[in-house]
Amino acid sequence: MNATRSAELAAAQACLRLLHTARAALTGCEPTTAASLLALPIAEADEALDRAGLAGNEAWLLEKLYDLGTETRVHTRGRCSRP
C-alpha cells in the first residue's frame, strides 16, 4: 500500500471513529458532555484529513467511508451470525 493510500485509509478510519463516538456521545448525553467527549476524535480526524490532503473534500471522503462499510459487509457475508 502506498503512502497516499495509507494516509487516505487512516483518515477514513479516524472519521469512522468520530462517527461512532458522536453516536455514542449524543445518545443520552448533555450537549456540554457530548462536546467534551468529541473534542479528541474531532482533532484526530482533522489531523488525519490534513495528512491525507483531504481537508475540505467531504464528498470524496464520504464515498470512501461508504466503500469501507461496503467492504465490511461483503467480508462478513456467508458467516453464521447469531440473532
N, C-alpha and C. Protein backbone atom coordinates (compact mmCIF):
# COMPACT_ATOMS: atom_id res chain seq x y z
N MET A 1 0.87 -1.18 0.00
CA MET A 1 0.00 0.00 0.00
C MET A 1 0.90 1.23 0.00
N ASN A 2 0.64 2.15 -0.90
CA ASN A 2 1.49 3.34 -0.96
C ASN A 2 1.12 4.32 0.15
N ALA A 3 1.99 5.31 0.35
CA ALA A 3 1.80 6.26 1.45
C ALA A 3 0.51 7.06 1.33
N THR A 4 0.15 7.45 0.09
CA THR A 4 -1.08 8.23 -0.09
C THR A 4 -2.29 7.39 0.27
N ARG A 5 -2.35 6.17 -0.21
CA ARG A 5 -3.47 5.28 0.09
C ARG A 5 -3.55 5.02 1.59
N SER A 6 -2.41 4.83 2.22
CA SER A 6 -2.36 4.60 3.66
C SER A 6 -2.90 5.81 4.43
N ALA A 7 -2.52 7.00 4.00
CA ALA A 7 -2.99 8.23 4.66
C ALA A 7 -4.49 8.40 4.45
N GLU A 8 -4.98 8.05 3.26
CA GLU A 8 -6.42 8.14 2.99
C GLU A 8 -7.19 7.16 3.86
N LEU A 9 -6.68 5.96 3.99
CA LEU A 9 -7.32 4.95 4.82
C LEU A 9 -7.32 5.38 6.29
N ALA A 10 -6.21 5.93 6.75
CA ALA A 10 -6.13 6.42 8.13
C ALA A 10 -7.15 7.54 8.37
N ALA A 11 -7.33 8.41 7.38
CA ALA A 11 -8.30 9.50 7.50
C ALA A 11 -9.72 8.93 7.57
N ALA A 12 -10.02 7.97 6.71
CA ALA A 12 -11.35 7.36 6.72
C ALA A 12 -11.61 6.66 8.05
N GLN A 13 -10.62 5.96 8.57
CA GLN A 13 -10.77 5.27 9.85
C GLN A 13 -10.98 6.27 10.99
N ALA A 14 -10.24 7.38 10.97
CA ALA A 14 -10.41 8.41 12.00
C ALA A 14 -11.81 8.99 11.95
N CYS A 15 -12.32 9.19 10.75
CA CYS A 15 -13.68 9.73 10.61
C CYS A 15 -14.72 8.72 11.06
N LEU A 16 -14.48 7.45 10.81
CA LEU A 16 -15.39 6.42 11.32
C LEU A 16 -15.39 6.39 12.85
N ARG A 17 -14.20 6.52 13.45
CA ARG A 17 -14.13 6.58 14.91
C ARG A 17 -14.90 7.79 15.43
N LEU A 18 -14.76 8.91 14.73
CA LEU A 18 -15.50 10.11 15.12
C LEU A 18 -17.00 9.86 15.02
N LEU A 19 -17.44 9.26 13.95
CA LEU A 19 -18.86 8.97 13.76
C LEU A 19 -19.39 8.08 14.89
N HIS A 20 -18.68 7.01 15.20
CA HIS A 20 -19.13 6.11 16.26
C HIS A 20 -19.12 6.79 17.63
N THR A 21 -18.10 7.61 17.88
CA THR A 21 -18.03 8.34 19.14
C THR A 21 -19.16 9.35 19.23
N ALA A 22 -19.44 10.03 18.13
CA ALA A 22 -20.53 11.01 18.12
C ALA A 22 -21.87 10.34 18.40
N ARG A 23 -22.10 9.22 17.77
CA ARG A 23 -23.35 8.50 18.02
C ARG A 23 -23.49 8.14 19.49
N ALA A 24 -22.43 7.61 20.07
CA ALA A 24 -22.46 7.22 21.48
C ALA A 24 -22.62 8.43 22.39
N ALA A 25 -21.87 9.49 22.09
CA ALA A 25 -21.89 10.68 22.95
C ALA A 25 -23.22 11.41 22.90
N LEU A 26 -23.85 11.40 21.74
CA LEU A 26 -25.09 12.16 21.58
C LEU A 26 -26.32 11.36 22.01
N THR A 27 -26.13 10.12 22.37
CA THR A 27 -27.24 9.30 22.85
C THR A 27 -27.29 9.43 24.37
N GLY A 28 -28.15 10.30 24.83
CA GLY A 28 -28.36 10.42 26.27
C GLY A 28 -27.43 11.35 27.00
N CYS A 29 -26.51 12.02 26.33
CA CYS A 29 -25.60 12.95 27.00
C CYS A 29 -26.12 14.38 26.89
N GLU A 30 -25.76 15.16 27.87
CA GLU A 30 -25.98 16.60 27.78
C GLU A 30 -25.06 17.15 26.70
N PRO A 31 -25.47 18.21 26.00
CA PRO A 31 -24.63 18.77 24.93
C PRO A 31 -23.22 19.13 25.38
N THR A 32 -23.06 19.67 26.56
CA THR A 32 -21.70 20.04 27.01
C THR A 32 -20.85 18.80 27.24
N THR A 33 -21.45 17.74 27.75
CA THR A 33 -20.71 16.50 27.95
C THR A 33 -20.33 15.90 26.60
N ALA A 34 -21.28 15.89 25.67
CA ALA A 34 -21.00 15.35 24.34
C ALA A 34 -19.87 16.13 23.68
N ALA A 35 -19.88 17.43 23.81
CA ALA A 35 -18.84 18.26 23.19
C ALA A 35 -17.47 17.91 23.74
N SER A 36 -17.37 17.71 25.04
CA SER A 36 -16.07 17.38 25.61
C SER A 36 -15.61 15.99 25.18
N LEU A 37 -16.53 15.06 25.00
CA LEU A 37 -16.18 13.72 24.54
C LEU A 37 -15.74 13.69 23.08
N LEU A 38 -16.22 14.65 22.31
CA LEU A 38 -15.93 14.67 20.88
C LEU A 38 -14.68 15.47 20.52
N ALA A 39 -14.14 16.24 21.44
CA ALA A 39 -13.01 17.11 21.13
C ALA A 39 -11.81 16.34 20.58
N LEU A 40 -11.42 15.26 21.22
CA LEU A 40 -10.26 14.49 20.77
C LEU A 40 -10.51 13.79 19.44
N PRO A 41 -11.64 13.08 19.26
CA PRO A 41 -11.87 12.46 17.95
C PRO A 41 -11.98 13.47 16.80
N ILE A 42 -12.52 14.65 17.07
CA ILE A 42 -12.58 15.69 16.03
C ILE A 42 -11.17 16.13 15.65
N ALA A 43 -10.34 16.36 16.64
CA ALA A 43 -8.96 16.78 16.37
C ALA A 43 -8.20 15.69 15.61
N GLU A 44 -8.41 14.42 16.01
CA GLU A 44 -7.75 13.31 15.33
C GLU A 44 -8.18 13.24 13.86
N ALA A 45 -9.48 13.36 13.62
CA ALA A 45 -9.99 13.31 12.25
C ALA A 45 -9.45 14.49 11.43
N ASP A 46 -9.43 15.68 12.01
CA ASP A 46 -8.89 16.86 11.31
C ASP A 46 -7.44 16.65 10.91
N GLU A 47 -6.63 16.14 11.83
CA GLU A 47 -5.22 15.89 11.54
C GLU A 47 -5.05 14.86 10.44
N ALA A 48 -5.82 13.78 10.53
CA ALA A 48 -5.72 12.71 9.52
C ALA A 48 -6.15 13.22 8.15
N LEU A 49 -7.20 14.02 8.11
CA LEU A 49 -7.65 14.59 6.84
C LEU A 49 -6.58 15.50 6.24
N ASP A 50 -5.95 16.31 7.08
CA ASP A 50 -4.88 17.19 6.60
C ASP A 50 -3.71 16.37 6.05
N ARG A 51 -3.29 15.33 6.79
CA ARG A 51 -2.16 14.50 6.34
C ARG A 51 -2.46 13.83 5.00
N ALA A 52 -3.70 13.46 4.78
CA ALA A 52 -4.08 12.78 3.54
C ALA A 52 -4.40 13.76 2.41
N GLY A 53 -4.38 15.05 2.71
CA GLY A 53 -4.72 16.04 1.70
C GLY A 53 -6.20 16.08 1.38
N LEU A 54 -7.03 15.69 2.35
CA LEU A 54 -8.48 15.60 2.12
C LEU A 54 -9.28 16.67 2.83
N ALA A 55 -8.63 17.55 3.54
CA ALA A 55 -9.37 18.60 4.24
C ALA A 55 -10.17 19.41 3.24
N GLY A 56 -11.47 19.55 3.50
CA GLY A 56 -12.34 20.30 2.62
C GLY A 56 -12.93 19.49 1.48
N ASN A 57 -12.65 18.19 1.45
CA ASN A 57 -13.16 17.35 0.38
C ASN A 57 -14.10 16.29 0.95
N GLU A 58 -15.17 16.76 1.58
CA GLU A 58 -16.07 15.88 2.30
C GLU A 58 -16.80 14.89 1.39
N ALA A 59 -17.19 15.30 0.21
CA ALA A 59 -17.93 14.40 -0.69
C ALA A 59 -17.09 13.17 -1.04
N TRP A 60 -15.84 13.39 -1.38
CA TRP A 60 -14.95 12.27 -1.71
C TRP A 60 -14.75 11.38 -0.50
N LEU A 61 -14.55 12.01 0.66
CA LEU A 61 -14.31 11.24 1.87
C LEU A 61 -15.53 10.40 2.25
N LEU A 62 -16.72 10.96 2.14
CA LEU A 62 -17.92 10.19 2.45
C LEU A 62 -18.05 8.98 1.53
N GLU A 63 -17.65 9.12 0.30
CA GLU A 63 -17.67 7.97 -0.63
C GLU A 63 -16.70 6.90 -0.15
N LYS A 64 -15.52 7.30 0.31
CA LYS A 64 -14.55 6.34 0.85
C LYS A 64 -15.10 5.64 2.09
N LEU A 65 -15.75 6.41 2.97
CA LEU A 65 -16.35 5.81 4.16
C LEU A 65 -17.42 4.79 3.77
N TYR A 66 -18.23 5.14 2.78
CA TYR A 66 -19.24 4.22 2.30
C TYR A 66 -18.58 2.94 1.77
N ASP A 67 -17.50 3.10 1.01
CA ASP A 67 -16.79 1.94 0.47
C ASP A 67 -16.26 1.05 1.58
N LEU A 68 -15.73 1.64 2.66
CA LEU A 68 -15.25 0.84 3.79
C LEU A 68 -16.39 0.04 4.41
N GLY A 69 -17.54 0.67 4.55
CA GLY A 69 -18.69 -0.03 5.11
C GLY A 69 -19.15 -1.16 4.21
N THR A 70 -19.10 -0.96 2.90
CA THR A 70 -19.48 -1.99 1.95
C THR A 70 -18.51 -3.16 2.02
N GLU A 71 -17.20 -2.88 2.11
CA GLU A 71 -16.20 -3.94 2.24
C GLU A 71 -16.47 -4.78 3.47
N THR A 72 -16.79 -4.15 4.56
CA THR A 72 -17.05 -4.86 5.80
C THR A 72 -18.25 -5.79 5.64
N ARG A 73 -19.31 -5.29 5.02
CA ARG A 73 -20.50 -6.12 4.82
C ARG A 73 -20.20 -7.29 3.88
N VAL A 74 -19.40 -7.07 2.85
CA VAL A 74 -19.07 -8.14 1.91
C VAL A 74 -18.23 -9.20 2.61
N HIS A 75 -17.26 -8.79 3.42
CA HIS A 75 -16.39 -9.74 4.10
C HIS A 75 -17.13 -10.56 5.15
N THR A 76 -18.20 -10.05 5.69
CA THR A 76 -18.92 -10.78 6.73
C THR A 76 -20.07 -11.61 6.17
N ARG A 77 -20.40 -11.45 4.90
CA ARG A 77 -21.44 -12.27 4.29
C ARG A 77 -21.02 -13.72 4.29
N GLY A 78 -22.00 -14.59 4.48
CA GLY A 78 -21.70 -16.01 4.44
C GLY A 78 -21.31 -16.58 5.79
N ARG A 79 -20.96 -15.72 6.73
CA ARG A 79 -20.65 -16.19 8.08
C ARG A 79 -21.94 -16.38 8.84
N CYS A 80 -21.93 -17.34 9.72
CA CYS A 80 -23.11 -17.53 10.57
C CYS A 80 -23.12 -16.45 11.62
N SER A 81 -24.24 -15.82 11.77
CA SER A 81 -24.35 -14.81 12.80
C SER A 81 -25.54 -15.17 13.70
N ARG A 82 -25.40 -14.85 14.94
CA ARG A 82 -26.46 -15.12 15.89
C ARG A 82 -27.39 -13.93 15.98
N PRO A 83 -28.69 -14.20 16.04
CA PRO A 83 -29.66 -13.08 16.14
C PRO A 83 -29.52 -12.34 17.44
